[in-house]
Amino acid sequence: MSNPGPATTVTIHPSNLASNQAIRLIGVITGVNLNAGTNVDFAIPVQNSSNFSVSNVIVTNASVSLTTATVAVYPGANATGTAIVSSTGLTSNTSSSVVNQLTINSTATQAGQNIYLRLTAPQGAAATADVYIYGYDFSNYS
């Protein structure tokens, strides 16, 4: 068999937008303190995009079974803008191996350089989790 050409390299996130890509990682925050208090915002930096639409918000790697923690996702701090994810409980996150996809409330395009995870109710005890935000990146086309 002839040589098919040079090897290709596959890299981990953040992925760069190319014309053949669809959903990619928009932002991630690890080790979120889910007992920080009520209505506490955590800024999630947007990676390599100036125009995007959120399609998936994933919560995983919970340090304990989450029974009372609730979160929401907004385009602006202090719950400003239309909620991307309305306040929702994380009771599905019963262990570190559970991957919980939250229901998206708004897919409107965003241009901010941060997305805000809002802890609307704390866990009541020490607890952390990781949050991944995926979406469509329209930066090259706007």
N, C-alpha and C. Protein backbone atom coordinates (compact mmCIF):
# COMPACT_ATOMS: atom_id res chain seq x y z
N MET A 1 0.84 -1.18 0.00
CA MET A 1 0.00 0.00 0.00
C MET A 1 0.89 1.24 0.00
N SER A 2 0.50 2.20 -0.78
CA SER A 2 1.29 3.42 -0.87
C SER A 2 1.05 4.31 0.35
N ASN A 3 1.96 5.21 0.59
CA ASN A 3 1.86 6.13 1.71
C ASN A 3 0.69 7.08 1.46
N PRO A 4 -0.28 7.16 2.41
CA PRO A 4 -1.44 8.03 2.20
C PRO A 4 -1.15 9.52 2.43
N GLY A 5 0.05 9.86 2.80
CA GLY A 5 0.40 11.26 3.02
C GLY A 5 0.82 11.49 4.46
N PRO A 6 1.04 12.75 4.81
CA PRO A 6 1.51 13.05 6.16
C PRO A 6 0.45 12.72 7.21
N ALA A 7 0.95 12.42 8.39
CA ALA A 7 0.06 12.13 9.51
C ALA A 7 -0.69 13.40 9.90
N THR A 8 -1.85 13.23 10.47
CA THR A 8 -2.59 14.37 10.97
C THR A 8 -2.56 14.35 12.48
N THR A 9 -2.71 15.51 13.07
CA THR A 9 -2.71 15.63 14.51
C THR A 9 -4.08 16.07 14.97
N VAL A 10 -4.61 15.39 15.98
CA VAL A 10 -5.88 15.77 16.56
C VAL A 10 -5.58 16.37 17.92
N THR A 11 -6.07 17.59 18.16
CA THR A 11 -5.81 18.25 19.43
C THR A 11 -7.08 18.29 20.27
N ILE A 12 -6.90 18.49 21.57
CA ILE A 12 -8.06 18.63 22.45
C ILE A 12 -8.54 20.06 22.42
N HIS A 13 -9.61 20.34 23.14
CA HIS A 13 -10.22 21.67 23.15
C HIS A 13 -9.23 22.73 23.60
N PRO A 14 -9.38 24.01 23.27
CA PRO A 14 -10.47 24.52 22.46
C PRO A 14 -10.24 24.25 20.98
N SER A 15 -11.29 23.92 20.31
CA SER A 15 -11.19 23.67 18.88
C SER A 15 -11.32 24.98 18.13
N ASN A 16 -10.66 25.05 17.00
CA ASN A 16 -10.75 26.23 16.15
C ASN A 16 -11.84 26.02 15.13
N LEU A 17 -12.51 27.09 14.78
CA LEU A 17 -13.60 27.01 13.83
C LEU A 17 -13.06 26.83 12.42
N ALA A 18 -13.61 25.90 11.71
CA ALA A 18 -13.35 25.71 10.29
C ALA A 18 -14.70 25.52 9.62
N SER A 19 -14.74 25.65 8.33
CA SER A 19 -16.03 25.61 7.64
C SER A 19 -16.73 24.27 7.78
N ASN A 20 -16.02 23.20 8.13
CA ASN A 20 -16.65 21.89 8.23
C ASN A 20 -16.99 21.50 9.66
N GLN A 21 -16.89 22.43 10.61
CA GLN A 21 -17.18 22.11 12.01
C GLN A 21 -18.57 22.60 12.38
N ALA A 22 -19.16 21.94 13.36
CA ALA A 22 -20.48 22.34 13.83
C ALA A 22 -20.37 22.72 15.30
N ILE A 23 -20.77 21.85 16.20
CA ILE A 23 -20.76 22.17 17.62
C ILE A 23 -19.34 22.02 18.17
N ARG A 24 -18.91 22.98 18.98
CA ARG A 24 -17.59 22.91 19.61
C ARG A 24 -17.67 23.46 21.02
N LEU A 25 -16.61 23.24 21.79
CA LEU A 25 -16.53 23.76 23.15
C LEU A 25 -16.44 25.28 23.10
N ILE A 26 -17.37 25.93 23.78
CA ILE A 26 -17.40 27.39 23.85
C ILE A 26 -16.73 27.87 25.14
N GLY A 27 -16.94 27.14 26.24
CA GLY A 27 -16.35 27.53 27.51
C GLY A 27 -16.44 26.40 28.52
N VAL A 28 -15.55 26.44 29.50
CA VAL A 28 -15.52 25.41 30.54
C VAL A 28 -15.09 26.04 31.86
N ILE A 29 -15.67 25.54 32.95
CA ILE A 29 -15.24 25.93 34.28
C ILE A 29 -15.21 24.65 35.12
N THR A 30 -14.11 24.43 35.80
CA THR A 30 -13.97 23.21 36.60
C THR A 30 -13.95 23.56 38.08
N GLY A 31 -14.39 22.61 38.90
CA GLY A 31 -14.36 22.79 40.34
C GLY A 31 -15.24 23.91 40.86
N VAL A 32 -16.43 24.09 40.25
CA VAL A 32 -17.34 25.15 40.70
C VAL A 32 -17.81 24.84 42.12
N ASN A 33 -17.69 25.81 43.00
CA ASN A 33 -18.12 25.65 44.39
C ASN A 33 -19.65 25.75 44.44
N LEU A 34 -20.31 24.62 44.56
CA LEU A 34 -21.77 24.60 44.56
C LEU A 34 -22.38 24.85 45.94
N ASN A 35 -21.55 25.33 46.85
CA ASN A 35 -22.03 25.73 48.17
C ASN A 35 -21.62 27.17 48.49
N ALA A 36 -21.37 27.95 47.44
CA ALA A 36 -20.86 29.31 47.61
C ALA A 36 -21.90 30.30 48.12
N GLY A 37 -23.18 29.97 48.00
CA GLY A 37 -24.23 30.87 48.44
C GLY A 37 -25.35 30.96 47.42
N THR A 38 -26.33 31.78 47.71
CA THR A 38 -27.47 31.96 46.82
C THR A 38 -27.20 33.10 45.85
N ASN A 39 -27.53 32.89 44.59
CA ASN A 39 -27.37 33.89 43.52
C ASN A 39 -25.92 34.37 43.38
N VAL A 40 -25.02 33.42 43.33
CA VAL A 40 -23.60 33.69 43.13
C VAL A 40 -23.26 33.38 41.67
N ASP A 41 -22.58 34.32 41.00
CA ASP A 41 -22.20 34.13 39.60
C ASP A 41 -20.77 33.63 39.47
N PHE A 42 -20.57 32.73 38.49
CA PHE A 42 -19.24 32.27 38.11
C PHE A 42 -19.06 32.58 36.63
N ALA A 43 -18.05 33.38 36.31
CA ALA A 43 -17.80 33.74 34.91
C ALA A 43 -17.11 32.57 34.20
N ILE A 44 -17.64 32.22 33.03
CA ILE A 44 -17.04 31.19 32.19
C ILE A 44 -16.50 31.90 30.95
N PRO A 45 -15.18 32.00 30.81
CA PRO A 45 -14.62 32.69 29.65
C PRO A 45 -14.98 31.98 28.34
N VAL A 46 -15.39 32.75 27.35
CA VAL A 46 -15.68 32.22 26.02
C VAL A 46 -14.37 32.03 25.29
N GLN A 47 -14.21 30.86 24.67
CA GLN A 47 -12.96 30.51 24.00
C GLN A 47 -13.05 30.74 22.50
N ASN A 48 -12.26 31.66 22.00
CA ASN A 48 -12.07 31.87 20.56
C ASN A 48 -13.35 32.11 19.79
N SER A 49 -14.25 32.92 20.30
CA SER A 49 -15.48 33.20 19.56
C SER A 49 -16.00 34.58 19.92
N SER A 50 -16.55 35.25 18.91
CA SER A 50 -17.17 36.55 19.14
C SER A 50 -18.64 36.54 18.77
N ASN A 51 -19.14 35.40 18.27
CA ASN A 51 -20.54 35.26 17.89
C ASN A 51 -20.90 33.78 17.92
N PHE A 52 -21.75 33.38 18.87
CA PHE A 52 -22.04 31.96 19.05
C PHE A 52 -23.46 31.76 19.57
N SER A 53 -23.91 30.53 19.51
CA SER A 53 -25.21 30.11 20.05
C SER A 53 -24.97 28.86 20.89
N VAL A 54 -25.41 28.87 22.13
CA VAL A 54 -25.22 27.73 23.03
C VAL A 54 -26.21 26.63 22.66
N SER A 55 -25.68 25.41 22.51
CA SER A 55 -26.54 24.26 22.19
C SER A 55 -26.58 23.23 23.31
N ASN A 56 -25.54 23.16 24.13
CA ASN A 56 -25.46 22.16 25.20
C ASN A 56 -24.76 22.75 26.41
N VAL A 57 -25.30 22.47 27.58
CA VAL A 57 -24.63 22.78 28.84
C VAL A 57 -24.57 21.47 29.62
N ILE A 58 -23.36 21.04 29.92
CA ILE A 58 -23.10 19.76 30.56
C ILE A 58 -22.55 19.99 31.96
N VAL A 59 -23.10 19.28 32.95
CA VAL A 59 -22.57 19.30 34.32
C VAL A 59 -22.11 17.88 34.63
N THR A 60 -20.86 17.75 35.08
CA THR A 60 -20.31 16.43 35.38
C THR A 60 -19.27 16.55 36.49
N ASN A 61 -18.74 15.41 36.89
CA ASN A 61 -17.68 15.33 37.89
C ASN A 61 -18.10 15.93 39.24
N ALA A 62 -19.34 15.68 39.65
CA ALA A 62 -19.81 16.16 40.95
C ALA A 62 -19.03 15.47 42.06
N SER A 63 -18.61 16.23 43.05
CA SER A 63 -17.80 15.67 44.15
C SER A 63 -18.65 14.86 45.12
N VAL A 64 -19.95 15.15 45.17
CA VAL A 64 -20.91 14.42 46.01
C VAL A 64 -22.22 14.31 45.23
N SER A 65 -23.14 13.51 45.72
CA SER A 65 -24.47 13.45 45.12
C SER A 65 -25.17 14.78 45.39
N LEU A 66 -25.54 15.48 44.33
CA LEU A 66 -26.13 16.81 44.47
C LEU A 66 -27.63 16.69 44.72
N THR A 67 -28.08 17.21 45.83
CA THR A 67 -29.49 17.06 46.21
C THR A 67 -30.26 18.38 46.23
N THR A 68 -29.58 19.49 46.49
CA THR A 68 -30.29 20.77 46.58
C THR A 68 -29.72 21.86 45.68
N ALA A 69 -28.54 21.69 45.13
CA ALA A 69 -27.93 22.73 44.31
C ALA A 69 -28.73 22.96 43.03
N THR A 70 -28.97 24.22 42.72
CA THR A 70 -29.62 24.60 41.46
C THR A 70 -28.79 25.68 40.78
N VAL A 71 -28.79 25.65 39.46
CA VAL A 71 -28.00 26.60 38.69
C VAL A 71 -28.83 27.14 37.52
N ALA A 72 -28.39 28.25 36.97
CA ALA A 72 -28.93 28.82 35.75
C ALA A 72 -27.73 29.34 34.95
N VAL A 73 -27.93 29.60 33.68
CA VAL A 73 -26.87 30.14 32.83
C VAL A 73 -27.40 31.38 32.12
N TYR A 74 -26.66 32.47 32.20
CA TYR A 74 -27.06 33.74 31.61
C TYR A 74 -25.94 34.32 30.76
N PRO A 75 -26.30 35.18 29.80
CA PRO A 75 -25.25 35.85 29.01
C PRO A 75 -24.60 37.00 29.78
N GLY A 76 -25.25 37.50 30.83
CA GLY A 76 -24.70 38.60 31.60
C GLY A 76 -24.69 38.31 33.09
N ALA A 77 -23.82 39.00 33.81
CA ALA A 77 -23.73 38.83 35.26
C ALA A 77 -25.03 39.31 35.92
N ASN A 78 -25.26 38.84 37.12
CA ASN A 78 -26.45 39.21 37.91
C ASN A 78 -27.75 38.86 37.20
N ALA A 79 -27.73 37.73 36.50
CA ALA A 79 -28.92 37.21 35.82
C ALA A 79 -29.47 38.17 34.77
N THR A 80 -28.58 38.85 34.06
CA THR A 80 -29.03 39.77 33.02
C THR A 80 -29.07 39.07 31.67
N GLY A 81 -29.98 39.52 30.84
CA GLY A 81 -30.21 38.91 29.54
C GLY A 81 -31.18 37.75 29.67
N THR A 82 -31.55 37.19 28.54
CA THR A 82 -32.46 36.04 28.54
C THR A 82 -31.71 34.80 28.98
N ALA A 83 -32.28 34.08 29.94
CA ALA A 83 -31.62 32.88 30.48
C ALA A 83 -31.34 31.87 29.37
N ILE A 84 -30.09 31.43 29.28
CA ILE A 84 -29.72 30.36 28.35
C ILE A 84 -30.23 29.05 28.93
N VAL A 85 -30.07 28.88 30.23
CA VAL A 85 -30.64 27.75 30.99
C VAL A 85 -31.37 28.36 32.18
N SER A 86 -32.66 28.08 32.30
CA SER A 86 -33.43 28.54 33.45
C SER A 86 -32.99 27.76 34.69
N SER A 87 -33.23 28.32 35.85
CA SER A 87 -32.81 27.67 37.09
C SER A 87 -33.30 26.23 37.14
N THR A 88 -32.36 25.34 37.36
CA THR A 88 -32.66 23.91 37.36
C THR A 88 -31.85 23.17 38.40
N GLY A 89 -32.45 22.16 39.00
CA GLY A 89 -31.76 21.35 40.00
C GLY A 89 -30.76 20.41 39.37
N LEU A 90 -29.76 20.04 40.14
CA LEU A 90 -28.71 19.14 39.66
C LEU A 90 -28.83 17.76 40.30
N THR A 91 -30.03 17.36 40.65
CA THR A 91 -30.25 16.09 41.34
C THR A 91 -29.86 14.87 40.51
N SER A 92 -29.74 15.02 39.20
CA SER A 92 -29.27 13.91 38.36
C SER A 92 -27.80 13.63 38.57
N ASN A 93 -27.05 14.62 39.06
CA ASN A 93 -25.62 14.45 39.30
C ASN A 93 -25.42 13.74 40.64
N THR A 94 -25.48 12.41 40.60
CA THR A 94 -25.40 11.60 41.82
C THR A 94 -23.99 11.09 42.11
N SER A 95 -23.06 11.23 41.14
CA SER A 95 -21.68 10.82 41.35
C SER A 95 -20.79 11.51 40.33
N SER A 96 -19.50 11.31 40.48
CA SER A 96 -18.55 11.98 39.57
C SER A 96 -18.63 11.45 38.15
N SER A 97 -19.18 10.27 37.95
CA SER A 97 -19.23 9.70 36.59
C SER A 97 -20.49 10.09 35.82
N VAL A 98 -21.44 10.76 36.47
CA VAL A 98 -22.68 11.15 35.80
C VAL A 98 -22.45 12.39 34.94
N VAL A 99 -22.97 12.35 33.72
CA VAL A 99 -22.94 13.49 32.81
C VAL A 99 -24.38 13.95 32.64
N ASN A 100 -24.66 15.17 33.06
CA ASN A 100 -26.03 15.71 33.06
C ASN A 100 -26.10 16.84 32.05
N GLN A 101 -26.94 16.67 31.03
CA GLN A 101 -27.13 17.72 30.04
C GLN A 101 -28.35 18.55 30.44
N LEU A 102 -28.14 19.84 30.67
CA LEU A 102 -29.21 20.72 31.10
C LEU A 102 -30.06 21.14 29.90
N THR A 103 -31.31 21.50 30.16
CA THR A 103 -32.22 21.93 29.10
C THR A 103 -31.94 23.38 28.72
N ILE A 104 -31.73 23.61 27.44
CA ILE A 104 -31.46 24.96 26.93
C ILE A 104 -32.77 25.72 26.79
N ASN A 105 -32.80 26.93 27.33
CA ASN A 105 -33.98 27.79 27.28
C ASN A 105 -33.92 28.76 26.10
N SER A 106 -32.72 29.23 25.76
CA SER A 106 -32.56 30.20 24.68
C SER A 106 -31.31 29.87 23.87
N THR A 107 -31.49 29.85 22.55
CA THR A 107 -30.35 29.62 21.65
C THR A 107 -29.98 30.90 20.90
N ALA A 108 -30.43 32.03 21.39
CA ALA A 108 -30.12 33.31 20.75
C ALA A 108 -28.61 33.48 20.63
N THR A 109 -28.16 34.12 19.58
CA THR A 109 -26.72 34.34 19.41
C THR A 109 -26.21 35.28 20.50
N GLN A 110 -24.98 35.04 20.90
CA GLN A 110 -24.32 35.80 21.95
C GLN A 110 -23.01 36.35 21.42
N ALA A 111 -22.57 37.48 21.97
CA ALA A 111 -21.31 38.07 21.54
C ALA A 111 -20.39 38.38 22.72
N GLY A 112 -20.84 38.13 23.94
CA GLY A 112 -20.04 38.44 25.12
C GLY A 112 -18.82 37.55 25.24
N GLN A 113 -17.86 37.97 26.01
CA GLN A 113 -16.65 37.18 26.21
C GLN A 113 -16.70 36.34 27.48
N ASN A 114 -17.85 36.38 28.17
CA ASN A 114 -18.11 35.51 29.32
C ASN A 114 -19.56 35.04 29.25
N ILE A 115 -19.77 33.85 29.76
CA ILE A 115 -21.11 33.33 30.03
C ILE A 115 -21.13 33.13 31.54
N TYR A 116 -22.28 33.33 32.17
CA TYR A 116 -22.33 33.29 33.62
C TYR A 116 -23.16 32.12 34.13
N LEU A 117 -22.50 31.27 34.90
CA LEU A 117 -23.19 30.20 35.63
C LEU A 117 -23.62 30.81 36.94
N ARG A 118 -24.91 30.77 37.22
CA ARG A 118 -25.46 31.37 38.45
C ARG A 118 -25.92 30.25 39.38
N LEU A 119 -25.33 30.21 40.55
CA LEU A 119 -25.76 29.27 41.58
C LEU A 119 -26.99 29.88 42.24
N THR A 120 -28.17 29.34 41.91
CA THR A 120 -29.42 29.93 42.43
C THR A 120 -29.79 29.37 43.80
N ALA A 121 -29.29 28.17 44.13
CA ALA A 121 -29.46 27.61 45.47
C ALA A 121 -28.25 26.73 45.76
N PRO A 122 -27.65 26.87 46.94
CA PRO A 122 -26.46 26.09 47.26
C PRO A 122 -26.80 24.65 47.66
N GLN A 123 -25.77 23.83 47.68
CA GLN A 123 -25.91 22.42 48.07
C GLN A 123 -26.18 22.27 49.56
N GLY A 124 -25.63 23.15 50.37
CA GLY A 124 -25.81 23.03 51.82
C GLY A 124 -24.66 22.31 52.49
N ALA A 125 -23.72 21.84 51.71
CA ALA A 125 -22.49 21.19 52.20
C ALA A 125 -21.46 21.31 51.09
N ALA A 126 -20.22 21.03 51.41
CA ALA A 126 -19.15 21.14 50.41
C ALA A 126 -19.48 20.30 49.17
N ALA A 127 -19.41 20.93 48.00
CA ALA A 127 -19.71 20.23 46.75
C ALA A 127 -19.13 21.02 45.59
N THR A 128 -18.58 20.31 44.61
CA THR A 128 -18.07 20.93 43.40
C THR A 128 -18.51 20.13 42.19
N ALA A 129 -18.42 20.75 41.02
CA ALA A 129 -18.71 20.07 39.75
C ALA A 129 -18.05 20.86 38.63
N ASP A 130 -17.99 20.25 37.46
CA ASP A 130 -17.43 20.88 36.27
C ASP A 130 -18.57 21.18 35.30
N VAL A 131 -18.47 22.31 34.59
CA VAL A 131 -19.50 22.71 33.63
C VAL A 131 -18.85 22.98 32.28
N TYR A 132 -19.39 22.35 31.25
CA TYR A 132 -18.92 22.50 29.87
C TYR A 132 -20.03 23.10 29.04
N ILE A 133 -19.71 24.13 28.26
CA ILE A 133 -20.70 24.77 27.39
C ILE A 133 -20.26 24.58 25.95
N TYR A 134 -21.15 23.99 25.16
CA TYR A 134 -20.91 23.74 23.74
C TYR A 134 -21.89 24.56 22.91
N GLY A 135 -21.50 24.87 21.69
CA GLY A 135 -22.41 25.62 20.83
C GLY A 135 -21.88 25.77 19.43
N TYR A 136 -22.63 26.52 18.66
CA TYR A 136 -22.27 26.83 17.27
C TYR A 136 -21.50 28.13 17.26
N ASP A 137 -20.35 28.13 16.61
CA ASP A 137 -19.50 29.31 16.52
C ASP A 137 -19.71 29.95 15.15
N PHE A 138 -20.21 31.18 15.15
CA PHE A 138 -20.47 31.89 13.90
C PHE A 138 -19.44 32.98 13.64
N SER A 139 -18.34 33.00 14.37
CA SER A 139 -17.36 34.09 14.29
C SER A 139 -16.83 34.33 12.89
N ASN A 140 -16.55 33.29 12.15
CA ASN A 140 -16.00 33.46 10.80
C ASN A 140 -17.02 33.92 9.79
N TYR A 141 -18.28 33.93 10.18
CA TYR A 141 -19.33 34.22 9.22
C TYR A 141 -20.12 35.47 9.54
N SER A 142 -19.64 36.26 10.50
CA SER A 142 -20.40 37.49 10.85
C SER A 142 -19.64 38.73 10.47
